Amino acid sequence: MRKEITFVITASLFLLAYALDYFAGKLSLSIISPIAFLNQGYFGLYPMTFVAVMIRSVAIMLSVTLILSVMERQYFVKLGISAFLTFIAEIYAFQQLATNATTTPLLWTLAISYGGALLIIPMIVYIFMGIGDLLIPHKNTVSLPKIETASTDSSILNPKS
């Protein structure tokens, strides 16, 4: 049930970011790093665009964690995948902005970068859950002691008198 709710929230955030971008209009900026967009001056000039980028970043982070939630109880694997995706998102964004490439629009490039940075939050959760999983065994792996029943020679066909 939680996965379905997370999916609906993520899709709603993507739609909200799209609507905000539509109402904010076309944006033509020339920035060289994703960090430059976090300057208060850009927030003052483009508040709706700034909010749309942040909402899209949260939606990207939620979509990655939703996809990783398919793997049950493999927290260190999830941690490794999240770290790899964070690294790839950051170097992709810096490469796109440094070369003025137009593979993805500027707002998506910024959202990918910030979404990758937001993956640090689930990475911290995966660390603690992985350690907890190592220290506390899973319910299904605990073996219960066998209950021995009294052995009698009686049966339905041969009742003991």
N, C-alpha and C. Protein backbone atom coordinates (compact mmCIF):
# COMPACT_ATOMS: atom_id res chain seq x y z
N MET A 1 0.81 -1.19 0.00
CA MET A 1 0.00 0.00 0.00
C MET A 1 0.86 1.26 0.00
N ARG A 2 1.98 1.23 0.72
CA ARG A 2 2.83 2.42 0.77
C ARG A 2 3.46 2.71 -0.58
N LYS A 3 3.75 1.67 -1.36
CA LYS A 3 4.36 1.88 -2.66
C LYS A 3 3.40 2.58 -3.61
N GLU A 4 2.14 2.21 -3.55
CA GLU A 4 1.15 2.84 -4.40
C GLU A 4 0.97 4.31 -4.04
N ILE A 5 0.96 4.59 -2.76
CA ILE A 5 0.83 5.98 -2.31
C ILE A 5 2.05 6.78 -2.73
N THR A 6 3.23 6.20 -2.59
CA THR A 6 4.46 6.89 -3.01
C THR A 6 4.45 7.13 -4.51
N PHE A 7 3.95 6.18 -5.28
CA PHE A 7 3.86 6.36 -6.73
C PHE A 7 2.92 7.52 -7.09
N VAL A 8 1.79 7.59 -6.43
CA VAL A 8 0.83 8.66 -6.71
C VAL A 8 1.42 10.02 -6.32
N ILE A 9 2.09 10.08 -5.19
CA ILE A 9 2.73 11.33 -4.75
C ILE A 9 3.80 11.74 -5.73
N THR A 10 4.62 10.79 -6.18
CA THR A 10 5.70 11.10 -7.12
C THR A 10 5.14 11.61 -8.44
N ALA A 11 4.13 10.92 -8.97
CA ALA A 11 3.52 11.36 -10.22
C ALA A 11 2.89 12.75 -10.06
N SER A 12 2.28 13.00 -8.92
CA SER A 12 1.68 14.31 -8.66
C SER A 12 2.73 15.40 -8.59
N LEU A 13 3.87 15.09 -8.01
CA LEU A 13 4.94 16.08 -7.95
C LEU A 13 5.49 16.40 -9.34
N PHE A 14 5.64 15.38 -10.18
CA PHE A 14 6.07 15.64 -11.56
C PHE A 14 5.06 16.51 -12.30
N LEU A 15 3.78 16.23 -12.13
CA LEU A 15 2.75 17.03 -12.78
C LEU A 15 2.72 18.47 -12.25
N LEU A 16 2.90 18.62 -10.94
CA LEU A 16 2.94 19.97 -10.35
C LEU A 16 4.13 20.76 -10.88
N ALA A 17 5.28 20.10 -10.99
CA ALA A 17 6.47 20.78 -11.53
C ALA A 17 6.25 21.17 -12.99
N TYR A 18 5.61 20.30 -13.75
CA TYR A 18 5.30 20.63 -15.15
C TYR A 18 4.37 21.84 -15.23
N ALA A 19 3.35 21.85 -14.38
CA ALA A 19 2.40 22.98 -14.38
C ALA A 19 3.10 24.28 -13.99
N LEU A 20 3.96 24.22 -12.99
CA LEU A 20 4.70 25.42 -12.59
C LEU A 20 5.61 25.91 -13.70
N ASP A 21 6.26 24.98 -14.41
CA ASP A 21 7.10 25.37 -15.54
C ASP A 21 6.27 26.02 -16.65
N TYR A 22 5.09 25.49 -16.86
CA TYR A 22 4.22 26.04 -17.91
C TYR A 22 3.82 27.47 -17.58
N PHE A 23 3.44 27.71 -16.33
CA PHE A 23 3.02 29.05 -15.95
C PHE A 23 4.19 30.01 -15.78
N ALA A 24 5.36 29.50 -15.48
CA ALA A 24 6.53 30.36 -15.32
C ALA A 24 7.06 30.85 -16.66
N GLY A 25 6.83 30.08 -17.69
CA GLY A 25 7.29 30.50 -19.02
C GLY A 25 8.69 30.00 -19.32
N LYS A 26 9.16 30.39 -20.49
CA LYS A 26 10.47 29.96 -20.98
C LYS A 26 11.56 30.65 -20.17
N LEU A 27 12.63 29.90 -19.93
CA LEU A 27 13.73 30.43 -19.12
C LEU A 27 15.02 30.30 -19.92
N SER A 28 15.76 31.37 -20.00
CA SER A 28 17.05 31.31 -20.68
C SER A 28 18.12 31.82 -19.71
N LEU A 29 18.82 30.88 -19.15
CA LEU A 29 19.89 31.19 -18.20
C LEU A 29 21.20 30.64 -18.72
N SER A 30 22.27 31.21 -18.26
CA SER A 30 23.58 30.68 -18.57
C SER A 30 24.34 30.54 -17.26
N ILE A 31 24.31 29.34 -16.71
CA ILE A 31 25.02 29.06 -15.47
C ILE A 31 26.01 27.94 -15.73
N ILE A 32 27.08 27.91 -14.95
CA ILE A 32 28.14 26.94 -15.22
C ILE A 32 28.15 25.77 -14.24
N SER A 33 27.37 25.87 -13.16
CA SER A 33 27.30 24.75 -12.23
C SER A 33 25.93 24.76 -11.55
N PRO A 34 25.48 23.59 -11.11
CA PRO A 34 24.18 23.55 -10.43
C PRO A 34 24.15 24.35 -9.14
N ILE A 35 25.28 24.52 -8.52
CA ILE A 35 25.35 25.25 -7.27
C ILE A 35 25.04 26.74 -7.49
N ALA A 36 25.36 27.25 -8.67
CA ALA A 36 25.13 28.66 -8.96
C ALA A 36 23.65 29.01 -8.95
N PHE A 37 22.79 28.05 -9.31
CA PHE A 37 21.36 28.31 -9.34
C PHE A 37 20.77 28.44 -7.94
N LEU A 38 21.47 27.92 -6.94
CA LEU A 38 20.98 28.01 -5.56
C LEU A 38 21.21 29.39 -4.95
N ASN A 39 21.80 30.29 -5.68
CA ASN A 39 22.03 31.65 -5.23
C ASN A 39 20.69 32.35 -4.99
N GLN A 40 20.64 33.16 -3.97
CA GLN A 40 19.39 33.83 -3.61
C GLN A 40 18.92 34.77 -4.72
N GLY A 41 19.83 35.25 -5.52
CA GLY A 41 19.44 36.14 -6.61
C GLY A 41 18.54 35.46 -7.62
N TYR A 42 18.84 34.21 -7.96
CA TYR A 42 17.99 33.46 -8.89
C TYR A 42 16.64 33.16 -8.27
N PHE A 43 16.62 32.91 -6.98
CA PHE A 43 15.34 32.67 -6.31
C PHE A 43 14.47 33.92 -6.35
N GLY A 44 15.09 35.07 -6.20
CA GLY A 44 14.33 36.32 -6.25
C GLY A 44 13.81 36.63 -7.65
N LEU A 45 14.59 36.27 -8.68
CA LEU A 45 14.17 36.54 -10.05
C LEU A 45 13.19 35.50 -10.60
N TYR A 46 13.41 34.24 -10.25
CA TYR A 46 12.61 33.14 -10.79
C TYR A 46 12.06 32.25 -9.68
N PRO A 47 11.19 32.77 -8.83
CA PRO A 47 10.73 31.94 -7.70
C PRO A 47 9.91 30.72 -8.12
N MET A 48 9.06 30.86 -9.13
CA MET A 48 8.23 29.74 -9.56
C MET A 48 9.09 28.65 -10.22
N THR A 49 10.06 29.07 -10.98
CA THR A 49 10.98 28.12 -11.61
C THR A 49 11.82 27.42 -10.56
N PHE A 50 12.27 28.16 -9.57
CA PHE A 50 13.07 27.58 -8.49
C PHE A 50 12.27 26.51 -7.74
N VAL A 51 11.02 26.81 -7.43
CA VAL A 51 10.17 25.85 -6.73
C VAL A 51 9.90 24.63 -7.62
N ALA A 52 9.70 24.85 -8.92
CA ALA A 52 9.46 23.74 -9.84
C ALA A 52 10.67 22.81 -9.91
N VAL A 53 11.86 23.38 -9.92
CA VAL A 53 13.08 22.56 -9.95
C VAL A 53 13.20 21.76 -8.67
N MET A 54 12.92 22.37 -7.53
CA MET A 54 13.01 21.66 -6.26
C MET A 54 11.96 20.54 -6.16
N ILE A 55 10.75 20.81 -6.63
CA ILE A 55 9.70 19.79 -6.60
C ILE A 55 10.09 18.63 -7.51
N ARG A 56 10.60 18.95 -8.69
CA ARG A 56 11.03 17.89 -9.61
C ARG A 56 12.19 17.10 -9.02
N SER A 57 13.07 17.74 -8.28
CA SER A 57 14.18 17.05 -7.63
C SER A 57 13.68 16.05 -6.60
N VAL A 58 12.72 16.46 -5.81
CA VAL A 58 12.13 15.55 -4.82
C VAL A 58 11.44 14.39 -5.52
N ALA A 59 10.77 14.67 -6.63
CA ALA A 59 10.10 13.61 -7.39
C ALA A 59 11.11 12.62 -7.97
N ILE A 60 12.23 13.11 -8.42
CA ILE A 60 13.29 12.22 -8.94
C ILE A 60 13.82 11.34 -7.82
N MET A 61 14.08 11.93 -6.66
CA MET A 61 14.57 11.15 -5.53
C MET A 61 13.55 10.09 -5.11
N LEU A 62 12.28 10.46 -5.05
CA LEU A 62 11.24 9.51 -4.67
C LEU A 62 11.09 8.40 -5.70
N SER A 63 11.24 8.73 -6.98
CA SER A 63 11.10 7.69 -8.00
C SER A 63 12.25 6.69 -7.93
N VAL A 64 13.44 7.15 -7.62
CA VAL A 64 14.57 6.22 -7.47
C VAL A 64 14.36 5.32 -6.26
N THR A 65 13.94 5.89 -5.15
CA THR A 65 13.70 5.05 -3.97
C THR A 65 12.52 4.11 -4.17
N LEU A 66 11.55 4.53 -4.95
CA LEU A 66 10.42 3.65 -5.26
C LEU A 66 10.88 2.46 -6.10
N ILE A 67 11.73 2.70 -7.06
CA ILE A 67 12.26 1.61 -7.88
C ILE A 67 13.14 0.69 -7.03
N LEU A 68 13.93 1.26 -6.14
CA LEU A 68 14.79 0.44 -5.28
C LEU A 68 13.99 -0.33 -4.24
N SER A 69 12.77 0.08 -3.96
CA SER A 69 11.98 -0.62 -2.96
C SER A 69 11.52 -1.99 -3.44
N VAL A 70 11.71 -2.28 -4.71
CA VAL A 70 11.38 -3.60 -5.23
C VAL A 70 12.28 -4.66 -4.61
N MET A 71 13.52 -4.28 -4.34
CA MET A 71 14.47 -5.20 -3.70
C MET A 71 14.17 -5.23 -2.20
N GLU A 72 13.84 -6.38 -1.71
CA GLU A 72 13.51 -6.52 -0.30
C GLU A 72 14.76 -6.76 0.54
N ARG A 73 14.95 -5.97 1.55
CA ARG A 73 15.96 -6.17 2.59
C ARG A 73 17.39 -6.24 2.09
N GLN A 74 17.72 -5.68 0.99
CA GLN A 74 19.09 -5.64 0.49
C GLN A 74 19.60 -4.21 0.61
N TYR A 75 19.78 -3.79 1.83
CA TYR A 75 20.04 -2.38 2.10
C TYR A 75 21.40 -1.92 1.60
N PHE A 76 22.42 -2.75 1.69
CA PHE A 76 23.73 -2.34 1.23
C PHE A 76 23.80 -2.31 -0.29
N VAL A 77 23.03 -3.15 -0.95
CA VAL A 77 22.95 -3.09 -2.42
C VAL A 77 22.24 -1.80 -2.82
N LYS A 78 21.16 -1.46 -2.13
CA LYS A 78 20.45 -0.21 -2.39
C LYS A 78 21.37 0.98 -2.14
N LEU A 79 22.18 0.88 -1.11
CA LEU A 79 23.12 1.95 -0.80
C LEU A 79 24.12 2.13 -1.93
N GLY A 80 24.64 1.04 -2.44
CA GLY A 80 25.60 1.11 -3.54
C GLY A 80 24.98 1.68 -4.80
N ILE A 81 23.78 1.25 -5.12
CA ILE A 81 23.10 1.75 -6.31
C ILE A 81 22.80 3.25 -6.15
N SER A 82 22.35 3.64 -4.98
CA SER A 82 22.06 5.06 -4.74
C SER A 82 23.32 5.91 -4.84
N ALA A 83 24.42 5.42 -4.29
CA ALA A 83 25.68 6.17 -4.37
C ALA A 83 26.13 6.30 -5.82
N PHE A 84 25.99 5.23 -6.57
CA PHE A 84 26.37 5.28 -7.99
C PHE A 84 25.50 6.28 -8.75
N LEU A 85 24.19 6.23 -8.52
CA LEU A 85 23.29 7.15 -9.21
C LEU A 85 23.53 8.61 -8.80
N THR A 86 23.88 8.82 -7.54
CA THR A 86 24.21 10.17 -7.10
C THR A 86 25.44 10.69 -7.83
N PHE A 87 26.44 9.86 -7.92
CA PHE A 87 27.68 10.25 -8.61
C PHE A 87 27.39 10.54 -10.08
N ILE A 88 26.66 9.66 -10.74
CA ILE A 88 26.34 9.84 -12.15
C ILE A 88 25.51 11.10 -12.38
N ALA A 89 24.54 11.35 -11.51
CA ALA A 89 23.69 12.54 -11.66
C ALA A 89 24.52 13.82 -11.54
N GLU A 90 25.43 13.83 -10.59
CA GLU A 90 26.24 15.04 -10.39
C GLU A 90 27.19 15.29 -11.55
N ILE A 91 27.89 14.25 -11.99
CA ILE A 91 28.84 14.49 -13.09
C ILE A 91 28.11 14.77 -14.39
N TYR A 92 26.92 14.18 -14.57
CA TYR A 92 26.12 14.49 -15.76
C TYR A 92 25.72 15.97 -15.76
N ALA A 93 25.23 16.45 -14.64
CA ALA A 93 24.78 17.84 -14.57
C ALA A 93 25.95 18.81 -14.78
N PHE A 94 27.08 18.55 -14.15
CA PHE A 94 28.23 19.43 -14.33
C PHE A 94 28.70 19.41 -15.78
N GLN A 95 28.69 18.24 -16.41
CA GLN A 95 29.11 18.13 -17.81
C GLN A 95 28.15 18.89 -18.72
N GLN A 96 26.86 18.74 -18.50
CA GLN A 96 25.87 19.43 -19.33
C GLN A 96 25.98 20.95 -19.21
N LEU A 97 26.17 21.41 -17.98
CA LEU A 97 26.24 22.86 -17.78
C LEU A 97 27.57 23.45 -18.24
N ALA A 98 28.64 22.71 -18.07
CA ALA A 98 29.95 23.23 -18.45
C ALA A 98 30.10 23.33 -19.97
N THR A 99 29.47 22.41 -20.70
CA THR A 99 29.62 22.40 -22.15
C THR A 99 28.44 23.05 -22.87
N ASN A 100 27.48 23.56 -22.13
CA ASN A 100 26.26 24.15 -22.69
C ASN A 100 25.55 23.17 -23.63
N ALA A 101 25.58 21.90 -23.27
CA ALA A 101 24.92 20.89 -24.08
C ALA A 101 23.41 21.00 -23.89
N THR A 102 22.69 20.55 -24.88
CA THR A 102 21.23 20.63 -24.82
C THR A 102 20.60 19.24 -24.87
N THR A 103 21.28 18.25 -24.31
CA THR A 103 20.71 16.91 -24.25
C THR A 103 19.44 16.91 -23.43
N THR A 104 19.47 17.56 -22.32
CA THR A 104 18.28 17.77 -21.50
C THR A 104 18.13 19.27 -21.28
N PRO A 105 16.90 19.74 -21.08
CA PRO A 105 16.72 21.16 -20.79
C PRO A 105 17.41 21.54 -19.48
N LEU A 106 17.69 22.82 -19.35
CA LEU A 106 18.41 23.33 -18.19
C LEU A 106 17.71 22.98 -16.88
N LEU A 107 16.39 23.13 -16.85
CA LEU A 107 15.66 22.86 -15.60
C LEU A 107 15.71 21.38 -15.23
N TRP A 108 15.66 20.50 -16.21
CA TRP A 108 15.79 19.07 -15.93
C TRP A 108 17.20 18.72 -15.49
N THR A 109 18.19 19.37 -16.09
CA THR A 109 19.57 19.12 -15.67
C THR A 109 19.78 19.52 -14.23
N LEU A 110 19.23 20.67 -13.84
CA LEU A 110 19.33 21.10 -12.44
C LEU A 110 18.58 20.15 -11.53
N ALA A 111 17.40 19.71 -11.95
CA ALA A 111 16.61 18.79 -11.12
C ALA A 111 17.31 17.45 -10.97
N ILE A 112 17.96 16.97 -12.01
CA ILE A 112 18.71 15.72 -11.91
C ILE A 112 19.85 15.87 -10.91
N SER A 113 20.52 17.00 -10.97
CA SER A 113 21.62 17.23 -10.03
C SER A 113 21.13 17.29 -8.59
N TYR A 114 20.08 18.06 -8.34
CA TYR A 114 19.57 18.18 -6.97
C TYR A 114 18.89 16.90 -6.50
N GLY A 115 18.24 16.19 -7.42
CA GLY A 115 17.65 14.90 -7.08
C GLY A 115 18.72 13.89 -6.69
N GLY A 116 19.85 13.92 -7.40
CA GLY A 116 20.97 13.06 -7.03
C GLY A 116 21.52 13.42 -5.66
N ALA A 117 21.59 14.72 -5.39
CA ALA A 117 22.07 15.14 -4.07
C ALA A 117 21.08 14.73 -2.97
N LEU A 118 19.79 14.77 -3.27
CA LEU A 118 18.79 14.37 -2.28
C LEU A 118 18.81 12.87 -2.00
N LEU A 119 19.44 12.10 -2.89
CA LEU A 119 19.55 10.66 -2.64
C LEU A 119 20.43 10.36 -1.43
N ILE A 120 21.12 11.34 -0.92
CA ILE A 120 21.92 11.15 0.30
C ILE A 120 21.01 10.80 1.47
N ILE A 121 19.80 11.33 1.48
CA ILE A 121 18.86 11.03 2.58
C ILE A 121 18.52 9.55 2.63
N PRO A 122 18.05 8.92 1.53
CA PRO A 122 17.81 7.48 1.63
C PRO A 122 19.08 6.67 1.83
N MET A 123 20.22 7.19 1.37
CA MET A 123 21.48 6.47 1.60
C MET A 123 21.78 6.35 3.09
N ILE A 124 21.53 7.40 3.84
CA ILE A 124 21.73 7.36 5.29
C ILE A 124 20.77 6.36 5.93
N VAL A 125 19.53 6.35 5.45
CA VAL A 125 18.55 5.39 5.96
C VAL A 125 18.98 3.97 5.64
N TYR A 126 19.49 3.73 4.43
CA TYR A 126 19.95 2.39 4.05
C TYR A 126 21.12 1.94 4.91
N ILE A 127 21.99 2.86 5.29
CA ILE A 127 23.12 2.49 6.16
C ILE A 127 22.60 1.98 7.50
N PHE A 128 21.71 2.75 8.12
CA PHE A 128 21.20 2.35 9.43
C PHE A 128 20.35 1.09 9.35
N MET A 129 19.55 0.96 8.31
CA MET A 129 18.72 -0.24 8.17
C MET A 129 19.59 -1.47 7.88
N GLY A 130 20.65 -1.28 7.11
CA GLY A 130 21.56 -2.40 6.84
C GLY A 130 22.28 -2.85 8.09
N ILE A 131 22.73 -1.91 8.89
CA ILE A 131 23.38 -2.26 10.16
C ILE A 131 22.39 -2.94 11.09
N GLY A 132 21.19 -2.41 11.15
CA GLY A 132 20.16 -3.03 11.98
C GLY A 132 19.80 -4.42 11.51
N ASP A 133 19.81 -4.63 10.21
CA ASP A 133 19.51 -5.95 9.66
C ASP A 133 20.61 -6.95 9.98
N LEU A 134 21.84 -6.46 10.04
CA LEU A 134 22.95 -7.35 10.42
C LEU A 134 22.90 -7.71 11.90
N LEU A 135 22.52 -6.75 12.73
CA LEU A 135 22.52 -6.98 14.17
C LEU A 135 21.28 -7.71 14.67
N ILE A 136 20.15 -7.45 14.05
CA ILE A 136 18.90 -8.07 14.47
C ILE A 136 18.45 -9.01 13.36
N PRO A 137 18.38 -10.29 13.63
CA PRO A 137 17.99 -11.22 12.57
C PRO A 137 16.54 -11.02 12.15
N HIS A 138 16.28 -11.42 10.93
CA HIS A 138 14.94 -11.31 10.36
C HIS A 138 14.00 -12.32 11.00
N LYS A 139 12.75 -11.99 11.09
CA LYS A 139 11.76 -12.86 11.75
C LYS A 139 11.69 -14.25 11.11
N ASN A 140 11.79 -14.32 9.80
CA ASN A 140 11.66 -15.60 9.11
C ASN A 140 12.90 -16.48 9.27
N THR A 141 14.03 -15.91 9.63
CA THR A 141 15.25 -16.70 9.75
C THR A 141 15.41 -17.31 11.14
N VAL A 142 14.60 -16.90 12.09
CA VAL A 142 14.68 -17.44 13.44
C VAL A 142 13.98 -18.80 13.45
N SER A 143 14.70 -19.80 13.89
CA SER A 143 14.09 -21.13 13.93
C SER A 143 13.47 -21.35 15.31
N LEU A 144 12.29 -21.88 15.28
CA LEU A 144 11.58 -22.15 16.52
C LEU A 144 11.93 -23.56 17.00
N PRO A 145 12.01 -23.76 18.30
CA PRO A 145 12.31 -25.10 18.79
C PRO A 145 11.16 -26.06 18.50
N LYS A 146 11.53 -27.29 18.24
CA LYS A 146 10.50 -28.29 17.95
C LYS A 146 9.81 -28.69 19.25
N ILE A 147 8.54 -28.85 19.15
CA ILE A 147 7.76 -29.31 20.30
C ILE A 147 7.60 -30.81 20.13
N GLU A 148 8.12 -31.52 21.10
CA GLU A 148 8.04 -32.97 21.02
C GLU A 148 6.71 -33.42 21.61
N THR A 149 6.08 -34.29 20.89
CA THR A 149 4.81 -34.84 21.37
C THR A 149 5.08 -36.18 22.03
N ALA A 150 4.23 -36.53 22.95
CA ALA A 150 4.39 -37.80 23.65
C ALA A 150 4.14 -38.94 22.67
N SER A 151 5.06 -39.85 22.64
CA SER A 151 4.96 -40.98 21.73
C SER A 151 4.12 -42.06 22.38
N THR A 152 3.08 -42.42 21.71
CA THR A 152 2.23 -43.49 22.20
C THR A 152 2.08 -44.54 21.12
N ASP A 153 1.79 -45.71 21.55
CA ASP A 153 1.60 -46.80 20.60
C ASP A 153 0.17 -46.85 20.09
N SER A 154 -0.65 -45.96 20.56
CA SER A 154 -2.04 -46.02 20.16
C SER A 154 -2.23 -45.26 18.86
N SER A 155 -3.19 -45.70 18.13
CA SER A 155 -3.59 -45.02 16.93
C SER A 155 -5.10 -45.19 16.80
N ILE A 156 -5.60 -44.65 15.74
CA ILE A 156 -7.05 -44.76 15.54
C ILE A 156 -7.44 -46.22 15.32
N LEU A 157 -6.58 -46.93 14.57
CA LEU A 157 -6.90 -48.31 14.28
C LEU A 157 -6.59 -49.26 15.45
N ASN A 158 -5.64 -48.90 16.24
CA ASN A 158 -5.23 -49.76 17.34
C ASN A 158 -5.22 -48.93 18.63
N PRO A 159 -6.38 -48.69 19.22
CA PRO A 159 -6.43 -47.85 20.42
C PRO A 159 -5.77 -48.53 21.60
N LYS A 160 -5.15 -47.71 22.41
CA LYS A 160 -4.50 -48.21 23.61
C LYS A 160 -5.54 -48.34 24.70
N SER A 161 -5.54 -49.47 25.37
CA SER A 161 -6.54 -49.67 26.39
C SER A 161 -6.02 -49.33 27.75
